[in-house]
Amino acid sequence: GPPSFRMGPRGRVMYRIEALDAWISEQEQ
């Protein structure tokens, strides 16, 4: 899926909006 990372003491999964938009563009291409 789109790139993600963990952040914080509980390891919350995060996604950057720029990464989501880039991933969407890759899927379109």
Full PDB file with SEQRES, HELIX, SHEET, SSBOND, CRYST1, ORIGX, SCALE, CONECT and MASTER records, all heavy atoms in Angstrom:
SEQRES   1 A   29  GLY PRO PRO SER PHE ARG MET GLY PRO ARG GLY ARG VAL          
SEQRES   2 A   29  MET TYR ARG ILE GLU ALA LEU ASP ALA TRP ILE SER GLU          
SEQRES   3 A   29  GLN GLU GLN                                                  
HELIX    1 AA1 ILE A   17  GLU A   28  1                                  12    
SHEET    1 AA1 2 PHE A   5  MET A   7  0                                        
SHEET    2 AA1 2 ARG A  12  MET A  14 -1                                        
CRYST1    1.000    1.000    1.000  90.00  90.00  90.00 P 1           1          
ORIGX1      1.000000  0.000000  0.000000        0.00000                         
ORIGX2      0.000000  1.000000  0.000000        0.00000                         
ORIGX3      0.000000  0.000000  1.000000        0.00000                         
SCALE1      1.000000  0.000000  0.000000        0.00000                         
SCALE2      0.000000  1.000000  0.000000        0.00000                         
SCALE3      0.000000  0.000000  1.000000        0.00000                         
ATOM      1  N   GLY A   1       0.825  -1.193   0.000  1.00  0.00           N  
ATOM      2  CA  GLY A   1       0.000   0.000   0.000  1.00  0.00           C  
ATOM      3  C   GLY A   1       0.860   1.244   0.000  1.00  0.00           C  
ATOM      4  O   GLY A   1       2.052   1.193  -0.268  1.00  0.00           O  
ATOM      5  N   PRO A   2       0.262   2.376   0.324  1.00  0.00           N  
ATOM      6  CA  PRO A   2       1.033   3.616   0.376  1.00  0.00           C  
ATOM      7  C   PRO A   2       2.044   3.580   1.525  1.00  0.00           C  
ATOM      8  O   PRO A   2       1.844   2.873   2.517  1.00  0.00           O  
ATOM      9  CB  PRO A   2      -0.036   4.683   0.623  1.00  0.00           C  
ATOM     10  CG  PRO A   2      -1.216   3.972   1.144  1.00  0.00           C  
ATOM     11  CD  PRO A   2      -1.154   2.581   0.623  1.00  0.00           C  
ATOM     12  N   PRO A   3       3.141   4.344   1.395  1.00  0.00           N  
ATOM     13  CA  PRO A   3       4.161   4.337   2.439  1.00  0.00           C  
ATOM     14  C   PRO A   3       3.637   4.912   3.753  1.00  0.00           C  
ATOM     15  O   PRO A   3       2.864   5.864   3.762  1.00  0.00           O  
ATOM     16  CB  PRO A   3       5.279   5.212   1.868  1.00  0.00           C  
ATOM     17  CG  PRO A   3       4.684   5.957   0.735  1.00  0.00           C  
ATOM     18  CD  PRO A   3       3.481   5.200   0.275  1.00  0.00           C  
ATOM     19  N   SER A   4       4.053   4.304   4.846  1.00  0.00           N  
ATOM     20  CA  SER A   4       3.617   4.732   6.173  1.00  0.00           C  
ATOM     21  C   SER A   4       4.788   4.610   7.133  1.00  0.00           C  
ATOM     22  O   SER A   4       5.837   4.060   6.806  1.00  0.00           O  
ATOM     23  CB  SER A   4       2.449   3.873   6.641  1.00  0.00           C  
ATOM     24  OG  SER A   4       2.848   2.524   6.741  1.00  0.00           O  
ATOM     25  N   PHE A   5       4.583   5.113   8.336  1.00  0.00           N  
ATOM     26  CA  PHE A   5       5.602   4.997   9.375  1.00  0.00           C  
ATOM     27  C   PHE A   5       4.916   5.006  10.734  1.00  0.00           C  
ATOM     28  O   PHE A   5       3.743   5.363  10.840  1.00  0.00           O  
ATOM     29  CB  PHE A   5       6.631   6.130   9.275  1.00  0.00           C  
ATOM     30  CG  PHE A   5       6.037   7.505   9.417  1.00  0.00           C  
ATOM     31  CD1 PHE A   5       6.059   8.158  10.641  1.00  0.00           C  
ATOM     32  CD2 PHE A   5       5.461   8.151   8.328  1.00  0.00           C  
ATOM     33  CE1 PHE A   5       5.507   9.427  10.779  1.00  0.00           C  
ATOM     34  CE2 PHE A   5       4.916   9.421   8.454  1.00  0.00           C  
ATOM     35  CZ  PHE A   5       4.941  10.066   9.683  1.00  0.00           C  
ATOM     36  N   ARG A   6       5.639   4.586  11.758  1.00  0.00           N  
ATOM     37  CA  ARG A   6       5.109   4.586  13.126  1.00  0.00           C  
ATOM     38  C   ARG A   6       5.682   5.787  13.873  1.00  0.00           C  
ATOM     39  O   ARG A   6       6.836   6.152  13.686  1.00  0.00           O  
ATOM     40  CB  ARG A   6       5.473   3.302  13.844  1.00  0.00           C  
ATOM     41  CG  ARG A   6       4.734   2.103  13.285  1.00  0.00           C  
ATOM     42  CD  ARG A   6       4.880   0.919  14.240  1.00  0.00           C  
ATOM     43  NE  ARG A   6       4.074  -0.189  13.800  1.00  0.00           N  
ATOM     44  CZ  ARG A   6       2.807  -0.391  14.148  1.00  0.00           C  
ATOM     45  NH1 ARG A   6       2.198   0.463  14.933  1.00  0.00           N  
ATOM     46  NH2 ARG A   6       2.141  -1.435  13.717  1.00  0.00           N  
ATOM     47  N   MET A   7       4.836   6.377  14.731  1.00  0.00           N  
ATOM     48  CA  MET A   7       5.272   7.548  15.468  1.00  0.00           C  
ATOM     49  C   MET A   7       4.695   7.508  16.880  1.00  0.00           C  
ATOM     50  O   MET A   7       3.572   7.042  17.080  1.00  0.00           O  
ATOM     51  CB  MET A   7       4.794   8.812  14.753  1.00  0.00           C  
ATOM     52  CG  MET A   7       5.303  10.094  15.357  1.00  0.00           C  
ATOM     53  SD  MET A   7       4.880  11.520  14.362  1.00  0.00           S  
ATOM     54  CE  MET A   7       3.250  11.877  14.983  1.00  0.00           C  
ATOM     55  N   GLY A   8       5.473   7.996  17.821  1.00  0.00           N  
ATOM     56  CA  GLY A   8       4.998   8.110  19.193  1.00  0.00           C  
ATOM     57  C   GLY A   8       5.270   6.883  20.026  1.00  0.00           C  
ATOM     58  O   GLY A   8       5.677   5.838  19.517  1.00  0.00           O  
ATOM     59  N   PRO A   9       5.024   6.987  21.320  1.00  0.00           N  
ATOM     60  CA  PRO A   9       5.322   5.885  22.231  1.00  0.00           C  
ATOM     61  C   PRO A   9       4.457   4.654  21.985  1.00  0.00           C  
ATOM     62  O   PRO A   9       4.858   3.538  22.288  1.00  0.00           O  
ATOM     63  CB  PRO A   9       5.054   6.475  23.626  1.00  0.00           C  
ATOM     64  CG  PRO A   9       4.196   7.666  23.408  1.00  0.00           C  
ATOM     65  CD  PRO A   9       4.485   8.165  22.018  1.00  0.00           C  
ATOM     66  N   ARG A  10       3.272   4.838  21.430  1.00  0.00           N  
ATOM     67  CA  ARG A  10       2.400   3.693  21.165  1.00  0.00           C  
ATOM     68  C   ARG A  10       2.544   3.185  19.731  1.00  0.00           C  
ATOM     69  O   ARG A  10       1.863   2.253  19.323  1.00  0.00           O  
ATOM     70  CB  ARG A  10       0.951   4.079  21.453  1.00  0.00           C  
ATOM     71  CG  ARG A  10       0.763   4.340  22.948  1.00  0.00           C  
ATOM     72  CD  ARG A  10      -0.505   5.036  23.300  1.00  0.00           C  
ATOM     73  NE  ARG A  10      -1.697   4.320  22.900  1.00  0.00           N  
ATOM     74  CZ  ARG A  10      -2.913   4.825  22.974  1.00  0.00           C  
ATOM     75  NH1 ARG A  10      -3.087   6.056  23.434  1.00  0.00           N  
ATOM     76  NH2 ARG A  10      -3.959   4.132  22.605  1.00  0.00           N  
ATOM     77  N   GLY A  11       3.409   3.811  18.962  1.00  0.00           N  
ATOM     78  CA  GLY A  11       3.666   3.349  17.601  1.00  0.00           C  
ATOM     79  C   GLY A  11       2.499   3.546  16.653  1.00  0.00           C  
ATOM     80  O   GLY A  11       2.190   2.676  15.847  1.00  0.00           O  
ATOM     81  N   ARG A  12       1.844   4.695  16.751  1.00  0.00           N  
ATOM     82  CA  ARG A  12       0.696   4.979  15.890  1.00  0.00           C  
ATOM     83  C   ARG A  12       1.139   5.029  14.424  1.00  0.00           C  
ATOM     84  O   ARG A  12       2.141   5.641  14.082  1.00  0.00           O  
ATOM     85  CB  ARG A  12       0.086   6.319  16.297  1.00  0.00           C  
ATOM     86  CG  ARG A  12      -1.138   6.663  15.532  1.00  0.00           C  
ATOM     87  CD  ARG A  12      -1.774   7.917  16.071  1.00  0.00           C  
ATOM     88  NE  ARG A  12      -2.918   8.253  15.232  1.00  0.00           N  
ATOM     89  CZ  ARG A  12      -3.567   9.385  15.303  1.00  0.00           C  
ATOM     90  NH1 ARG A  12      -3.212  10.301  16.172  1.00  0.00           N  
ATOM     91  NH2 ARG A  12      -4.581   9.605  14.517  1.00  0.00           N  
ATOM     92  N   VAL A  13       0.384   4.372  13.556  1.00  0.00           N  
ATOM     93  CA  VAL A  13       0.693   4.344  12.125  1.00  0.00           C  
ATOM     94  C   VAL A  13       0.268   5.665  11.504  1.00  0.00           C  
ATOM     95  O   VAL A  13      -0.867   6.115  11.681  1.00  0.00           O  
ATOM     96  CB  VAL A  13      -0.019   3.160  11.422  1.00  0.00           C  
ATOM     97  CG1 VAL A  13       0.224   3.200   9.925  1.00  0.00           C  
ATOM     98  CG2 VAL A  13       0.446   1.841  12.007  1.00  0.00           C  
ATOM     99  N   MET A  14       1.199   6.284  10.780  1.00  0.00           N  
ATOM    100  CA  MET A  14       0.957   7.587  10.181  1.00  0.00           C  
ATOM    101  C   MET A  14       1.206   7.527   8.671  1.00  0.00           C  
ATOM    102  O   MET A  14       2.025   6.743   8.202  1.00  0.00           O  
ATOM    103  CB  MET A  14       1.905   8.629  10.798  1.00  0.00           C  
ATOM    104  CG  MET A  14       1.845   8.725  12.306  1.00  0.00           C  
ATOM    105  SD  MET A  14       0.303   9.400  12.910  1.00  0.00           S  
ATOM    106  CE  MET A  14       0.488  11.090  12.452  1.00  0.00           C  
ATOM    107  N   TYR A  15       0.484   8.373   7.953  1.00  0.00           N  
ATOM    108  CA  TYR A  15       0.645   8.523   6.508  1.00  0.00           C  
ATOM    109  C   TYR A  15       0.761  10.012   6.208  1.00  0.00           C  
ATOM    110  O   TYR A  15      -0.034  10.802   6.705  1.00  0.00           O  
ATOM    111  CB  TYR A  15      -0.568   7.968   5.764  1.00  0.00           C  
ATOM    112  CG  TYR A  15      -0.759   6.479   5.901  1.00  0.00           C  
ATOM    113  CD1 TYR A  15      -1.435   5.937   6.980  1.00  0.00           C  
ATOM    114  CD2 TYR A  15      -0.266   5.623   4.939  1.00  0.00           C  
ATOM    115  CE1 TYR A  15      -1.613   4.577   7.109  1.00  0.00           C  
ATOM    116  CE2 TYR A  15      -0.437   4.255   5.056  1.00  0.00           C  
ATOM    117  CZ  TYR A  15      -1.113   3.739   6.137  1.00  0.00           C  
ATOM    118  OH  TYR A  15      -1.287   2.392   6.249  1.00  0.00           O  
ATOM    119  N   ARG A  16       1.711  10.389   5.400  1.00  0.00           N  
ATOM    120  CA  ARG A  16       1.821  11.779   4.958  1.00  0.00           C  
ATOM    121  C   ARG A  16       0.884  11.974   3.764  1.00  0.00           C  
ATOM    122  O   ARG A  16       0.813  11.120   2.878  1.00  0.00           O  
ATOM    123  CB  ARG A  16       3.238  12.124   4.549  1.00  0.00           C  
ATOM    124  CG  ARG A  16       4.223  12.110   5.691  1.00  0.00           C  
ATOM    125  CD  ARG A  16       5.566  12.666   5.238  1.00  0.00           C  
ATOM    126  NE  ARG A  16       6.512  12.635   6.320  1.00  0.00           N  
ATOM    127  CZ  ARG A  16       6.623  13.602   7.232  1.00  0.00           C  
ATOM    128  NH1 ARG A  16       5.860  14.655   7.148  1.00  0.00           N  
ATOM    129  NH2 ARG A  16       7.505  13.495   8.203  1.00  0.00           N  
ATOM    130  N   ILE A  17       0.190  13.101   3.730  1.00  0.00           N  
ATOM    131  CA  ILE A  17      -0.734  13.377   2.626  1.00  0.00           C  
ATOM    132  C   ILE A  17       0.017  13.390   1.298  1.00  0.00           C  
ATOM    133  O   ILE A  17      -0.475  12.864   0.292  1.00  0.00           O  
ATOM    134  CB  ILE A  17      -1.482  14.698   2.860  1.00  0.00           C  
ATOM    135  CG1 ILE A  17      -2.444  14.528   4.027  1.00  0.00           C  
ATOM    136  CG2 ILE A  17      -2.220  15.140   1.604  1.00  0.00           C  
ATOM    137  CD1 ILE A  17      -3.195  15.778   4.409  1.00  0.00           C  
ATOM    138  N   GLU A  18       1.226  13.952   1.283  1.00  0.00           N  
ATOM    139  CA  GLU A  18       2.024  13.988   0.048  1.00  0.00           C  
ATOM    140  C   GLU A  18       2.329  12.573  -0.446  1.00  0.00           C  
ATOM    141  O   GLU A  18       2.314  12.310  -1.643  1.00  0.00           O  
ATOM    142  CB  GLU A  18       3.343  14.746   0.265  1.00  0.00           C  
ATOM    143  CG  GLU A  18       3.170  16.191   0.647  1.00  0.00           C  
ATOM    144  CD  GLU A  18       2.950  16.418   2.145  1.00  0.00           C  
ATOM    145  OE1 GLU A  18       3.041  15.444   2.948  1.00  0.00           O  
ATOM    146  OE2 GLU A  18       2.657  17.564   2.523  1.00  0.00           O  
ATOM    147  N   ALA A  19       2.594  11.659   0.496  1.00  0.00           N  
ATOM    148  CA  ALA A  19       2.883  10.272   0.122  1.00  0.00           C  
ATOM    149  C   ALA A  19       1.633   9.589  -0.410  1.00  0.00           C  
ATOM    150  O   ALA A  19       1.706   8.790  -1.358  1.00  0.00           O  
ATOM    151  CB  ALA A  19       3.443   9.505   1.319  1.00  0.00           C  
ATOM    152  N   LEU A  20       0.477   9.905   0.181  1.00  0.00           N  
ATOM    153  CA  LEU A  20      -0.777   9.327  -0.317  1.00  0.00           C  
ATOM    154  C   LEU A  20      -1.072   9.821  -1.731  1.00  0.00           C  
ATOM    155  O   LEU A  20      -1.455   9.033  -2.607  1.00  0.00           O  
ATOM    156  CB  LEU A  20      -1.938   9.679   0.612  1.00  0.00           C  
ATOM    157  CG  LEU A  20      -1.878   9.098   2.024  1.00  0.00           C  
ATOM    158  CD1 LEU A  20      -3.048   9.612   2.853  1.00  0.00           C  
ATOM    159  CD2 LEU A  20      -1.861   7.587   1.991  1.00  0.00           C  
ATOM    160  N   ASP A  21      -0.880  11.128  -1.959  1.00  0.00           N  
ATOM    161  CA  ASP A  21      -1.118  11.681  -3.294  1.00  0.00           C  
ATOM    162  C   ASP A  21      -0.162  11.080  -4.328  1.00  0.00           C  
ATOM    163  O   ASP A  21      -0.567  10.755  -5.446  1.00  0.00           O  
ATOM    164  CB  ASP A  21      -0.988  13.203  -3.280  1.00  0.00           C  
ATOM    165  CG  ASP A  21      -2.132  13.884  -2.545  1.00  0.00           C  
ATOM    166  OD1 ASP A  21      -3.230  13.268  -2.431  1.00  0.00           O  
ATOM    167  OD2 ASP A  21      -1.947  15.024  -2.090  1.00  0.00           O  
ATOM    168  N   ALA A  22       1.105  10.919  -3.954  1.00  0.00           N  
ATOM    169  CA  ALA A  22       2.083  10.316  -4.864  1.00  0.00           C  
ATOM    170  C   ALA A  22       1.715   8.869  -5.161  1.00  0.00           C  
ATOM    171  O   ALA A  22       1.819   8.410  -6.310  1.00  0.00           O  
ATOM    172  CB  ALA A  22       3.489  10.399  -4.264  1.00  0.00           C  
ATOM    173  N   TRP A  23       1.251   8.142  -4.146  1.00  0.00           N  
ATOM    174  CA  TRP A  23       0.863   6.744  -4.331  1.00  0.00           C  
ATOM    175  C   TRP A  23      -0.344   6.645  -5.264  1.00  0.00           C  
ATOM    176  O   TRP A  23      -0.396   5.775  -6.132  1.00  0.00           O  
ATOM    177  CB  TRP A  23       0.578   6.112  -2.976  1.00  0.00           C  
ATOM    178  CG  TRP A  23       0.281   4.660  -3.052  1.00  0.00           C  
ATOM    179  CD1 TRP A  23       1.176   3.638  -3.182  1.00  0.00           C  
ATOM    180  CD2 TRP A  23      -1.013   4.052  -3.028  1.00  0.00           C  
ATOM    181  NE1 TRP A  23       0.513   2.435  -3.219  1.00  0.00           N  
ATOM    182  CE2 TRP A  23      -0.836   2.657  -3.131  1.00  0.00           C  
ATOM    183  CE3 TRP A  23      -2.305   4.551  -2.925  1.00  0.00           C  
ATOM    184  CZ2 TRP A  23      -1.892   1.771  -3.142  1.00  0.00           C  
ATOM    185  CZ3 TRP A  23      -3.356   3.661  -2.924  1.00  0.00           C  
ATOM    186  CH2 TRP A  23      -3.155   2.291  -3.032  1.00  0.00           C  
ATOM    187  N   ILE A  24      -1.299   7.560  -5.098  1.00  0.00           N  
ATOM    188  CA  ILE A  24      -2.468   7.591  -5.988  1.00  0.00           C  
ATOM    189  C   ILE A  24      -2.014   7.825  -7.423  1.00  0.00           C  
ATOM    190  O   ILE A  24      -2.475   7.144  -8.354  1.00  0.00           O  
ATOM    191  CB  ILE A  24      -3.471   8.675  -5.537  1.00  0.00           C  
ATOM    192  CG1 ILE A  24      -4.140   8.268  -4.228  1.00  0.00           C  
ATOM    193  CG2 ILE A  24      -4.519   8.929  -6.614  1.00  0.00           C  
ATOM    194  CD1 ILE A  24      -4.937   9.389  -3.571  1.00  0.00           C  
ATOM    195  N   SER A  25      -1.098   8.755  -7.631  1.00  0.00           N  
ATOM    196  CA  SER A  25      -0.586   9.028  -8.982  1.00  0.00           C  
ATOM    197  C   SER A  25       0.096   7.801  -9.581  1.00  0.00           C  
ATOM    198  O   SER A  25      -0.071   7.504 -10.765  1.00  0.00           O  
ATOM    199  CB  SER A  25       0.390  10.201  -8.959  1.00  0.00           C  
ATOM    200  OG  SER A  25      -0.281  11.382  -8.636  1.00  0.00           O  
ATOM    201  N   GLU A  26       0.862   7.078  -8.757  1.00  0.00           N  
ATOM    202  CA  GLU A  26       1.515   5.851  -9.232  1.00  0.00           C  
ATOM    203  C   GLU A  26       0.475   4.826  -9.667  1.00  0.00           C  
ATOM    204  O   GLU A  26       0.661   4.130 -10.681  1.00  0.00           O  
ATOM    205  CB  GLU A  26       2.391   5.263  -8.141  1.00  0.00           C  
ATOM    206  CG  GLU A  26       3.627   6.056  -7.826  1.00  0.00           C  
ATOM    207  CD  GLU A  26       4.346   5.532  -6.591  1.00  0.00           C  
ATOM    208  OE1 GLU A  26       4.037   4.407  -6.131  1.00  0.00           O  
ATOM    209  OE2 GLU A  26       5.211   6.261  -6.075  1.00  0.00           O  
ATOM    210  N   GLN A  27      -0.603   4.715  -8.904  1.00  0.00           N  
ATOM    211  CA  GLN A  27      -1.654   3.756  -9.249  1.00  0.00           C  
ATOM    212  C   GLN A  27      -2.320   4.146 -10.562  1.00  0.00           C  
ATOM    213  O   GLN A  27      -2.628   3.285 -11.390  1.00  0.00           O  
ATOM    214  CB  GLN A  27      -2.704   3.679  -8.131  1.00  0.00           C  
ATOM    215  CG  GLN A  27      -2.164   3.282  -6.776  1.00  0.00           C  
ATOM    216  CD  GLN A  27      -1.281   2.043  -6.836  1.00  0.00           C  
ATOM    217  OE1 GLN A  27      -1.720   0.980  -7.253  1.00  0.00           O  
ATOM    218  NE2 GLN A  27      -0.043   2.183  -6.426  1.00  0.00           N  
ATOM    219  N   GLU A  28      -2.536   5.443 -10.771  1.00  0.00           N  
ATOM    220  CA  GLU A  28      -3.144   5.915 -12.016  1.00  0.00           C  
ATOM    221  C   GLU A  28      -2.248   5.605 -13.211  1.00  0.00           C  
ATOM    222  O   GLU A  28      -2.726   5.183 -14.260  1.00  0.00           O  
ATOM    223  CB  GLU A  28      -3.399   7.419 -11.956  1.00  0.00           C  
ATOM    224  CG  GLU A  28      -4.533   7.795 -11.049  1.00  0.00           C  
ATOM    225  CD  GLU A  28      -4.699   9.296 -10.910  1.00  0.00           C  
ATOM    226  OE1 GLU A  28      -3.717  10.048 -11.069  1.00  0.00           O  
ATOM    227  OE2 GLU A  28      -5.831   9.719 -10.636  1.00  0.00           O  
ATOM    228  N   GLN A  29      -0.948   5.806 -13.038  1.00  0.00           N  
ATOM    229  CA  GLN A  29      -0.012   5.559 -14.128  1.00  0.00           C  
ATOM    230  C   GLN A  29       0.117   4.075 -14.447  1.00  0.00           C  
ATOM    231  O   GLN A  29       0.404   3.703 -15.578  1.00  0.00           O  
ATOM    232  CB  GLN A  29       1.366   6.147 -13.804  1.00  0.00           C  
ATOM    233  CG  GLN A  29       1.377   7.653 -13.772  1.00  0.00           C  
ATOM    234  CD  GLN A  29       0.892   8.271 -15.067  1.00  0.00           C  
ATOM    235  OE1 GLN A  29       1.332   7.893 -16.146  1.00  0.00           O  
ATOM    236  NE2 GLN A  29      -0.026   9.214 -14.970  1.00  0.00           N  
TER     237      GLN A  29                                                      
MASTER        0    0    0    1    2    0    0    6  236    1    0    3          
END                                                                             
